Amino acid sequence: MDISAAKRRIDTVPAPALFVLSGISIYVGAAVAVWLFDASTPAGVAWLRCLGAAVILLAWRRPGRAAWRGRPLLLAGTFGVVTALMNVVYYEAIARLPLGTATAIEFVGPVLVAALGSRTKRDFAALVLVVAGVLAIADVQWSGSPAGVAFALAAAAAWAGYIVLGKKVALGGNGIDSLAVGFTVATVVLSPLALGTGGVWAEPDLLLLGIGVGLLSTVVPYGLDQVVLRRVGQARFAVLLALLPVTATLVGLVVLRQVPALTEALGILAVVCGVLLRSRGSEETVREPP
């Protein structure tokens, strides 16, 4: 299929629909990662995810020399390392907390970005609903796993950085080529984490699953993110990410049999209402120079 034709087709898909597809891919990959925790440390699985994404993207895109020098390399490399670190602390969190709960806590990051970028009363009302929903979903017994909560909060901070840097990469980088460079740099920088993957290399099927996590949780969703970030403003992007806690909870329920409590279910409803409120608003985007 012609690449430009495929791009035009993707651009016709509404942003919320792209987020649903992205979220399903991310959290099915996260559920697969949980299965790998018996053979590898969570941080080691996150490194395998980064390695798998780098191998797939390099084979697909083959970035030119310009992508490996100067500002493009610095921007892509920083983005890749921040994203990889976000994955590391997130995997450490879901090793200790249910998938939906960890994602809800992590969502504090994009909510903060959205709050800083909000401009209208509708945005503020949507954010109030989203924050209330996140607080309800994150009904965690802090005494049960303080380390899990700490890792989830660290992931929230990294996620906020991902949104800010992702916008810069989407507008000032080389698209998917920047992702390939970024994850390659991150794989090298975080290579000491490979020490925790020993059990995976002895089982070809586990290694294949590790590479698959890179495809499901990195290549597909982050590629879609780059498409959406070119079309919407940074604040609206962060609000749309409210769909992800819902998706994480549903995947956790179906794949990992993690049943949410009533309070968490009400929180999910509040998040959905916040997203719907924002989606009904004007379709303005943050214009950036080409």
Protein backbone atom coordinates (compact mmCIF):
# COMPACT_ATOMS: atom_id res chain seq x y z
CA MET A 1 0.00 0.00 0.00
CA ASP A 2 1.22 3.51 -0.80
CA ILE A 3 2.49 5.15 2.42
CA SER A 4 0.96 8.55 1.62
CA ALA A 5 -2.41 6.92 0.98
CA ALA A 6 -2.20 5.05 4.28
CA LYS A 7 -1.34 8.30 6.06
CA ARG A 8 -4.35 10.05 4.54
CA ARG A 9 -6.60 7.23 5.73
CA ILE A 10 -5.23 7.43 9.27
CA ASP A 11 -5.78 11.19 9.29
CA THR A 12 -9.50 10.63 8.65
CA VAL A 13 -9.89 8.57 11.84
CA PRO A 14 -11.15 10.64 14.84
CA ALA A 15 -8.57 11.22 17.57
CA PRO A 16 -10.61 9.41 20.28
CA ALA A 17 -10.81 6.32 18.06
CA LEU A 18 -7.05 6.36 17.57
CA PHE A 19 -6.64 6.52 21.33
CA VAL A 20 -8.88 3.50 21.81
CA LEU A 21 -6.76 1.52 19.35
CA SER A 22 -3.59 2.81 20.98
CA GLY A 23 -4.82 1.97 24.47
CA ILE A 24 -5.87 -1.56 23.56
CA SER A 25 -2.46 -2.19 22.02
CA ILE A 26 -0.60 -0.70 25.01
CA TYR A 27 -2.40 -2.64 27.70
CA VAL A 28 -2.59 -5.96 25.92
CA GLY A 29 1.18 -5.56 25.68
CA ALA A 30 1.30 -4.69 29.40
CA ALA A 31 -0.69 -7.82 30.24
CA VAL A 32 1.80 -9.90 28.23
CA ALA A 33 4.61 -8.16 30.13
CA VAL A 34 3.06 -9.26 33.45
CA TRP A 35 3.27 -12.86 32.24
CA LEU A 36 7.01 -12.37 31.67
CA PHE A 37 7.71 -11.17 35.23
CA ASP A 38 8.30 -14.77 36.36
CA ALA A 39 11.26 -15.08 33.99
CA SER A 40 12.61 -11.53 34.16
CA THR A 41 12.61 -8.50 36.42
CA PRO A 42 10.00 -5.84 35.56
CA ALA A 43 12.78 -3.43 34.60
CA GLY A 44 14.31 -6.16 32.43
CA VAL A 45 11.00 -6.65 30.60
CA ALA A 46 10.83 -2.88 30.04
CA TRP A 47 14.32 -3.03 28.51
CA LEU A 48 13.24 -5.93 26.25
CA ARG A 49 10.28 -3.81 25.18
CA CYS A 50 12.64 -0.98 24.26
CA LEU A 51 14.98 -3.36 22.42
CA GLY A 52 12.10 -4.91 20.48
CA ALA A 53 10.77 -1.49 19.49
CA ALA A 54 14.23 -0.33 18.37
CA VAL A 55 14.83 -3.45 16.24
CA ILE A 56 11.41 -3.25 14.58
CA LEU A 57 11.60 0.49 13.90
CA LEU A 58 15.18 0.35 12.58
CA ALA A 59 14.29 -2.50 10.22
CA TRP A 60 11.23 -0.60 9.04
CA ARG A 61 12.49 2.98 8.75
CA ARG A 62 16.30 2.86 8.45
CA PRO A 63 16.86 6.52 9.49
CA GLY A 64 19.38 8.48 7.45
CA ARG A 65 22.62 10.01 8.73
CA ALA A 66 20.96 13.34 9.55
CA ALA A 67 18.80 11.66 12.18
CA TRP A 68 21.91 10.51 14.08
CA ARG A 69 23.56 13.91 14.45
CA GLY A 70 23.12 17.21 16.24
CA ARG A 71 19.79 18.45 17.54
CA PRO A 72 17.66 15.67 15.95
CA LEU A 73 19.75 13.05 17.80
CA LEU A 74 19.59 14.98 21.08
CA LEU A 75 15.83 15.49 20.85
CA ALA A 76 15.05 11.92 19.81
CA GLY A 77 17.50 10.43 22.31
CA THR A 78 16.08 12.43 25.21
CA PHE A 79 12.56 11.45 24.23
CA GLY A 80 13.55 7.80 23.95
CA VAL A 81 15.29 7.69 27.34
CA VAL A 82 12.41 9.47 29.12
CA THR A 83 9.91 7.11 27.51
CA ALA A 84 11.96 4.04 28.39
CA LEU A 85 12.32 5.18 32.01
CA MET A 86 8.56 5.74 32.11
CA ASN A 87 8.12 2.13 31.02
CA VAL A 88 10.60 0.88 33.61
CA VAL A 89 8.87 2.49 36.59
CA TYR A 90 5.43 1.64 35.19
CA TYR A 91 6.33 -2.05 34.94
CA GLU A 92 7.67 -1.93 38.48
CA ALA A 93 4.28 -0.48 39.49
CA ILE A 94 2.12 -3.10 37.73
CA ALA A 95 4.27 -5.81 39.30
CA ARG A 96 2.88 -4.61 42.64
CA LEU A 97 -0.53 -3.06 41.80
CA PRO A 98 -3.49 -3.99 39.55
CA LEU A 99 -3.11 -2.74 35.98
CA GLY A 100 -6.02 -0.28 36.14
CA THR A 101 -5.00 1.11 39.53
CA ALA A 102 -1.39 1.73 38.52
CA THR A 103 -2.53 3.41 35.31
CA ALA A 104 -4.95 5.63 37.23
CA ILE A 105 -2.20 6.87 39.54
CA GLU A 106 0.12 7.36 36.56
CA PHE A 107 -2.56 9.52 34.96
CA VAL A 108 -1.75 12.33 37.41
CA GLY A 109 1.01 13.27 34.93
CA PRO A 110 -1.10 14.01 31.85
CA VAL A 111 -3.81 15.61 34.03
CA LEU A 112 -1.19 18.09 35.26
CA VAL A 113 -0.14 18.87 31.68
CA ALA A 114 -3.77 19.38 30.69
CA ALA A 115 -4.36 21.67 33.67
CA LEU A 116 -1.38 23.83 32.75
CA GLY A 117 -2.58 24.07 29.15
CA SER A 118 -6.31 24.57 29.84
CA ARG A 119 -7.89 27.75 28.48
CA THR A 120 -11.70 27.44 28.81
CA LYS A 121 -14.34 26.77 31.45
CA ARG A 122 -15.24 23.59 29.59
CA ASP A 123 -11.63 22.41 29.89
CA PHE A 124 -11.66 23.16 33.59
CA ALA A 125 -14.94 21.30 34.16
CA ALA A 126 -13.65 18.32 32.18
CA LEU A 127 -10.45 18.27 34.21
CA VAL A 128 -12.39 18.40 37.48
CA LEU A 129 -14.34 15.31 36.40
CA VAL A 130 -11.18 13.54 35.25
CA VAL A 131 -9.30 14.31 38.45
CA ALA A 132 -12.25 13.14 40.55
CA GLY A 133 -12.39 9.94 38.53
CA VAL A 134 -8.66 9.33 38.87
CA LEU A 135 -8.85 9.84 42.64
CA ALA A 136 -11.70 7.34 42.85
CA ILE A 137 -9.95 4.79 40.63
CA ALA A 138 -6.77 5.18 42.66
CA ASP A 139 -8.50 4.00 45.83
CA VAL A 140 -5.36 2.20 46.91
CA GLN A 141 -4.47 0.96 50.37
CA TRP A 142 -1.24 2.88 50.68
CA SER A 143 -0.05 0.61 53.44
CA GLY A 144 -0.48 -2.40 51.13
CA SER A 145 2.18 -1.45 48.56
CA PRO A 146 3.85 1.91 49.12
CA ALA A 147 6.59 0.94 46.65
CA GLY A 148 3.96 0.28 43.97
CA VAL A 149 2.38 3.68 44.56
CA ALA A 150 5.81 5.37 44.49
CA PHE A 151 6.68 3.71 41.18
CA ALA A 152 3.29 4.71 39.74
CA LEU A 153 3.85 8.33 40.78
CA ALA A 154 7.31 8.24 39.19
CA ALA A 155 5.67 6.97 36.01
CA ALA A 156 3.24 9.90 36.22
CA ALA A 157 6.12 12.37 36.22
CA ALA A 158 7.77 10.59 33.29
CA TRP A 159 4.45 10.51 31.40
CA ALA A 160 4.16 14.29 31.70
CA GLY A 161 7.65 14.57 30.21
CA TYR A 162 6.66 12.17 27.44
CA ILE A 163 3.74 14.42 26.43
CA VAL A 164 5.87 17.57 26.33
CA LEU A 165 8.76 15.93 24.47
CA GLY A 166 6.40 13.97 22.22
CA LYS A 167 4.90 17.21 20.92
CA LYS A 168 8.36 18.54 20.11
CA VAL A 169 9.31 15.31 18.33
CA ALA A 170 6.04 15.26 16.39
CA LEU A 171 6.50 18.83 15.14
CA GLY A 172 10.29 19.28 15.04
CA GLY A 173 11.60 15.77 14.62
CA ASN A 174 11.58 13.25 11.81
CA GLY A 175 8.40 11.40 12.76
CA ILE A 176 8.76 7.64 13.12
CA ASP A 177 12.46 7.94 12.28
CA SER A 178 12.89 9.91 15.51
CA LEU A 179 11.20 7.11 17.41
CA ALA A 180 13.63 4.60 15.90
CA VAL A 181 16.62 6.72 16.90
CA GLY A 182 15.18 7.47 20.34
CA PHE A 183 14.53 3.86 21.30
CA THR A 184 17.93 2.82 19.96
CA VAL A 185 19.62 5.40 22.18
CA ALA A 186 17.48 4.33 25.14
CA THR A 187 18.34 0.67 24.59
CA VAL A 188 22.04 1.47 24.78
CA VAL A 189 21.78 3.89 27.72
CA LEU A 190 19.66 1.48 29.77
CA SER A 191 21.55 -1.67 28.73
CA PRO A 192 22.53 -2.54 32.36
CA LEU A 193 18.87 -3.50 32.86
CA ALA A 194 19.49 -6.42 30.49
CA LEU A 195 21.11 -8.22 33.44
CA GLY A 196 17.61 -8.94 34.71
CA THR A 197 16.48 -10.72 31.53
CA GLY A 198 18.54 -13.92 31.87
CA GLY A 199 15.57 -16.29 32.05
CA VAL A 200 14.05 -14.95 28.85
CA TRP A 201 17.01 -15.69 26.56
CA ALA A 202 16.85 -19.39 27.38
CA GLU A 203 13.26 -19.66 26.09
CA PRO A 204 12.69 -18.62 22.44
CA ASP A 205 8.94 -18.26 23.00
CA LEU A 206 9.51 -15.89 25.92
CA LEU A 207 11.98 -13.86 23.89
CA LEU A 208 9.41 -13.63 21.11
CA LEU A 209 6.84 -12.40 23.63
CA GLY A 210 9.32 -9.78 24.82
CA ILE A 211 9.78 -8.50 21.27
CA GLY A 212 5.99 -8.62 20.86
CA VAL A 213 5.60 -6.34 23.88
CA GLY A 214 7.79 -3.82 22.05
CA LEU A 215 5.48 -3.99 19.04
CA LEU A 216 2.19 -3.86 20.95
CA SER A 217 3.13 -1.35 23.65
CA THR A 218 5.59 0.87 21.79
CA VAL A 219 5.65 0.76 17.98
CA VAL A 220 1.89 0.74 17.37
CA PRO A 221 0.66 3.15 20.08
CA TYR A 222 3.55 5.63 19.94
CA GLY A 223 3.29 5.73 16.17
CA LEU A 224 -0.40 6.61 16.55
CA ASP A 225 0.52 9.22 19.17
CA GLN A 226 2.78 10.97 16.67
CA VAL A 227 -0.14 11.17 14.22
CA VAL A 228 -2.51 12.60 16.83
CA LEU A 229 0.02 15.05 18.30
CA ARG A 230 0.31 16.70 14.89
CA ARG A 231 -3.47 17.21 14.81
CA VAL A 232 -4.39 18.36 18.32
CA GLY A 233 -3.03 20.66 21.00
CA GLN A 234 -0.92 19.41 23.87
CA ALA A 235 -3.67 20.05 26.45
CA ARG A 236 -6.34 18.20 24.48
CA PHE A 237 -3.93 15.33 23.89
CA ALA A 238 -3.50 14.99 27.64
CA VAL A 239 -7.27 15.04 28.23
CA LEU A 240 -7.84 12.40 25.55
CA LEU A 241 -5.42 10.19 27.43
CA ALA A 242 -8.20 9.85 30.02
CA LEU A 243 -9.39 6.99 27.82
CA LEU A 244 -6.36 4.96 28.83
CA PRO A 245 -7.26 4.21 32.48
CA VAL A 246 -10.57 2.87 31.21
CA THR A 247 -8.84 0.69 28.66
CA ALA A 248 -6.28 -0.52 31.22
CA THR A 249 -9.05 -1.51 33.64
CA LEU A 250 -10.94 -3.41 30.94
CA VAL A 251 -7.82 -5.24 29.77
CA GLY A 252 -6.93 -6.05 33.38
CA LEU A 253 -10.43 -7.45 33.87
CA VAL A 254 -10.48 -9.57 30.70
CA VAL A 255 -6.86 -10.74 30.50
CA LEU A 256 -5.64 -10.72 34.12
CA ARG A 257 -9.00 -11.21 35.90
CA GLN A 258 -8.49 -8.04 37.97
CA VAL A 259 -12.01 -6.98 39.00
CA PRO A 260 -12.39 -3.27 39.91
CA ALA A 261 -14.21 -2.26 43.08
CA LEU A 262 -17.41 -0.19 42.94
CA THR A 263 -15.51 3.00 43.76
CA GLU A 264 -13.09 2.33 40.91
CA ALA A 265 -15.98 1.71 38.50
CA LEU A 266 -17.56 5.05 39.48
CA GLY A 267 -14.19 6.70 38.93
CA ILE A 268 -14.00 5.24 35.43
CA LEU A 269 -17.46 6.69 34.71
CA ALA A 270 -16.32 10.13 35.89
CA VAL A 271 -13.24 9.95 33.63
CA VAL A 272 -15.39 9.00 30.63
CA CYS A 273 -17.76 11.90 31.35
CA GLY A 274 -14.81 14.28 31.49
CA VAL A 275 -13.53 13.05 28.12
CA LEU A 276 -16.99 13.34 26.56
CA LEU A 277 -17.39 16.87 27.92
CA ARG A 278 -14.08 17.95 26.39
CA SER A 279 -14.79 16.16 23.11
CA ARG A 280 -18.03 18.11 22.67
CA GLY A 281 -16.14 21.36 22.90
CA SER A 282 -14.67 23.31 20.04
CA GLU A 283 -12.22 21.54 17.77
CA GLU A 284 -9.53 24.19 17.98
CA THR A 285 -5.96 23.01 18.07
CA VAL A 286 -2.72 24.62 19.11
CA ARG A 287 -1.25 25.94 15.87
CA GLU A 288 2.47 25.49 15.47
CA PRO A 289 4.69 26.88 12.73
CA PRO A 290 5.42 24.27 10.03
